[in-house]
Amino acid sequence: MPGGGSMAIVFSGMAAWFVYVVRCGDGTLYTGISRDVEARVAKHNRGQGARYTRGRAPIALVHSERKSSHTAAARREAAIKALSRAAKLALIGGSP
């Protein structure tokens, strides 16, 4: 983010939630949720994130969406995970 700030954004006194998609070093895509996407991606790259991303570094953020609640983020995460790979690639504006 410009100025080196964090992606943690506040809505009415509470930090917003983000749905994010990362591309792993092996080309696979992983979708998750977090309040601080930059810190979460860094954690994935250190091998401390989700089990799926361990050993698949480098991890690169390719898409994120801000949501107002954990529930909204979790629902969107489930919706993205249900997409085909082609649909996920279209969402992130990428190619195989």
C-alpha atoms as a PDB file:
ATOM      1  CA  MET A   1       0.000   0.000   0.000  1.00  0.00           C
ATOM      2  CA  PRO A   2       1.172   3.572  -0.565  1.00  0.00           C
ATOM      3  CA  GLY A   3       3.172   4.931   2.334  1.00  0.00           C
ATOM      4  CA  GLY A   4       3.976   1.424   3.577  1.00  0.00           C
ATOM      5  CA  GLY A   5       0.768   1.188   5.591  1.00  0.00           C
ATOM      6  CA  SER A   6      -1.080  -1.969   6.350  1.00  0.00           C
ATOM      7  CA  MET A   7      -4.216  -3.221   4.598  1.00  0.00           C
ATOM      8  CA  ALA A   8      -6.005  -3.311   7.952  1.00  0.00           C
ATOM      9  CA  ILE A   9      -8.795  -0.769   7.538  1.00  0.00           C
ATOM     10  CA  VAL A  10     -11.232   0.328  10.198  1.00  0.00           C
ATOM     11  CA  PHE A  11     -15.025   0.402   9.760  1.00  0.00           C
ATOM     12  CA  SER A  12     -16.851   2.111  12.618  1.00  0.00           C
ATOM     13  CA  GLY A  13     -14.170   1.335  15.181  1.00  0.00           C
ATOM     14  CA  MET A  14     -13.661  -2.275  14.067  1.00  0.00           C
ATOM     15  CA  ALA A  15     -11.055  -3.562  11.632  1.00  0.00           C
ATOM     16  CA  ALA A  16     -12.443  -4.660   8.300  1.00  0.00           C
ATOM     17  CA  TRP A  17     -12.023  -8.190   7.034  1.00  0.00           C
ATOM     18  CA  PHE A  18     -10.483  -9.064   3.681  1.00  0.00           C
ATOM     19  CA  VAL A  19     -10.883 -12.023   1.384  1.00  0.00           C
ATOM     20  CA  TYR A  20      -7.654 -12.634  -0.487  1.00  0.00           C
ATOM     21  CA  VAL A  21      -6.317 -14.913  -3.193  1.00  0.00           C
ATOM     22  CA  VAL A  22      -2.633 -15.759  -3.439  1.00  0.00           C
ATOM     23  CA  ARG A  23      -0.710 -17.540  -6.152  1.00  0.00           C
ATOM     24  CA  CYS A  24       1.670 -20.127  -4.763  1.00  0.00           C
ATOM     25  CA  GLY A  25       5.102 -20.864  -6.184  1.00  0.00           C
ATOM     26  CA  ASP A  26       3.741 -24.003  -7.853  1.00  0.00           C
ATOM     27  CA  GLY A  27       1.060 -21.950  -9.666  1.00  0.00           C
ATOM     28  CA  THR A  28      -1.862 -23.038  -7.505  1.00  0.00           C
ATOM     29  CA  LEU A  29      -4.267 -20.535  -5.974  1.00  0.00           C
ATOM     30  CA  TYR A  30      -5.205 -20.289  -2.310  1.00  0.00           C
ATOM     31  CA  THR A  31      -8.088 -18.240  -0.900  1.00  0.00           C
ATOM     32  CA  GLY A  32      -8.314 -17.057   2.693  1.00  0.00           C
ATOM     33  CA  ILE A  33      -9.553 -14.282   4.963  1.00  0.00           C
ATOM     34  CA  SER A  34      -7.686 -11.922   7.246  1.00  0.00           C
ATOM     35  CA  ARG A  35      -7.871  -8.530   8.881  1.00  0.00           C
ATOM     36  CA  ASP A  36      -4.317  -7.734   7.746  1.00  0.00           C
ATOM     37  CA  VAL A  37      -3.599  -9.206   4.315  1.00  0.00           C
ATOM     38  CA  GLU A  38       0.018  -8.064   4.086  1.00  0.00           C
ATOM     39  CA  ALA A  39       0.889  -9.677   7.418  1.00  0.00           C
ATOM     40  CA  ARG A  40      -0.976 -12.845   6.464  1.00  0.00           C
ATOM     41  CA  VAL A  41       0.842 -13.168   3.121  1.00  0.00           C
ATOM     42  CA  ALA A  42       4.155 -12.647   4.933  1.00  0.00           C
ATOM     43  CA  LYS A  43       3.156 -15.405   7.349  1.00  0.00           C
ATOM     44  CA  HIS A  44       2.372 -17.724   4.419  1.00  0.00           C
ATOM     45  CA  ASN A  45       5.807 -16.960   2.963  1.00  0.00           C
ATOM     46  CA  ARG A  46       7.472 -17.847   6.279  1.00  0.00           C
ATOM     47  CA  GLY A  47       5.761 -21.236   6.217  1.00  0.00           C
ATOM     48  CA  GLN A  48       3.534 -20.303   9.149  1.00  0.00           C
ATOM     49  CA  GLY A  49       0.283 -19.763   7.258  1.00  0.00           C
ATOM     50  CA  ALA A  50      -2.238 -22.345   6.197  1.00  0.00           C
ATOM     51  CA  ARG A  51      -1.081 -25.929   5.864  1.00  0.00           C
ATOM     52  CA  TYR A  52      -1.835 -25.795   2.129  1.00  0.00           C
ATOM     53  CA  THR A  53       0.639 -22.975   1.482  1.00  0.00           C
ATOM     54  CA  ARG A  54       3.491 -24.471   3.500  1.00  0.00           C
ATOM     55  CA  GLY A  55       6.248 -25.537   1.158  1.00  0.00           C
ATOM     56  CA  ARG A  56       4.636 -23.714  -1.785  1.00  0.00           C
ATOM     57  CA  ALA A  57       6.523 -20.409  -1.463  1.00  0.00           C
ATOM     58  CA  PRO A  58       6.930 -17.892  -2.826  1.00  0.00           C
ATOM     59  CA  ILE A  59       3.372 -16.738  -2.176  1.00  0.00           C
ATOM     60  CA  ALA A  60       2.142 -13.646  -4.055  1.00  0.00           C
ATOM     61  CA  LEU A  61      -1.031 -11.694  -3.402  1.00  0.00           C
ATOM     62  CA  VAL A  62      -3.099 -11.542  -6.612  1.00  0.00           C
ATOM     63  CA  HIS A  63      -6.530 -10.382  -5.391  1.00  0.00           C
ATOM     64  CA  SER A  64      -8.220  -8.949  -2.306  1.00  0.00           C
ATOM     65  CA  GLU A  65     -11.677  -7.674  -1.421  1.00  0.00           C
ATOM     66  CA  ARG A  66     -12.620  -5.639   1.643  1.00  0.00           C
ATOM     67  CA  LYS A  67     -15.643  -6.850   3.632  1.00  0.00           C
ATOM     68  CA  SER A  68     -17.378  -5.254   6.591  1.00  0.00           C
ATOM     69  CA  SER A  69     -17.603  -8.373   8.765  1.00  0.00           C
ATOM     70  CA  HIS A  70     -16.077 -11.759   9.395  1.00  0.00           C
ATOM     71  CA  THR A  71     -19.327 -13.368   8.238  1.00  0.00           C
ATOM     72  CA  ALA A  72     -19.311 -11.488   4.930  1.00  0.00           C
ATOM     73  CA  ALA A  73     -15.660 -12.378   4.360  1.00  0.00           C
ATOM     74  CA  ALA A  74     -16.239 -16.056   5.174  1.00  0.00           C
ATOM     75  CA  ARG A  75     -19.197 -16.221   2.794  1.00  0.00           C
ATOM     76  CA  ARG A  76     -17.207 -14.635  -0.026  1.00  0.00           C
ATOM     77  CA  GLU A  77     -14.267 -16.946   0.706  1.00  0.00           C
ATOM     78  CA  ALA A  78     -16.576 -19.966   0.349  1.00  0.00           C
ATOM     79  CA  ALA A  79     -17.990 -18.567  -2.890  1.00  0.00           C
ATOM     80  CA  ILE A  80     -14.521 -18.058  -4.369  1.00  0.00           C
ATOM     81  CA  LYS A  81     -13.371 -21.513  -3.268  1.00  0.00           C
ATOM     82  CA  ALA A  82     -16.408 -22.999  -5.058  1.00  0.00           C
ATOM     83  CA  LEU A  83     -15.359 -21.411  -8.368  1.00  0.00           C
ATOM     84  CA  SER A  84     -13.587 -23.407 -11.056  1.00  0.00           C
ATOM     85  CA  ARG A  85      -9.922 -22.616 -11.636  1.00  0.00           C
ATOM     86  CA  ALA A  86     -10.865 -20.830 -14.881  1.00  0.00           C
ATOM     87  CA  ALA A  87     -13.369 -18.651 -13.008  1.00  0.00           C
ATOM     88  CA  LYS A  88     -10.793 -17.866 -10.312  1.00  0.00           C
ATOM     89  CA  LEU A  89      -8.301 -16.857 -12.985  1.00  0.00           C
ATOM     90  CA  ALA A  90     -10.934 -14.597 -14.558  1.00  0.00           C
ATOM     91  CA  LEU A  91     -11.598 -13.053 -11.115  1.00  0.00           C
ATOM     92  CA  ILE A  92      -7.927 -12.229 -10.568  1.00  0.00           C
ATOM     93  CA  GLY A  93      -7.405 -11.171 -14.174  1.00  0.00           C
ATOM     94  CA  GLY A  94      -4.746 -13.780 -14.729  1.00  0.00           C
ATOM     95  CA  SER A  95      -3.911 -16.633 -16.992  1.00  0.00           C
ATOM     96  CA  PRO A  96      -3.130 -20.285 -16.241  1.00  0.00           C
END
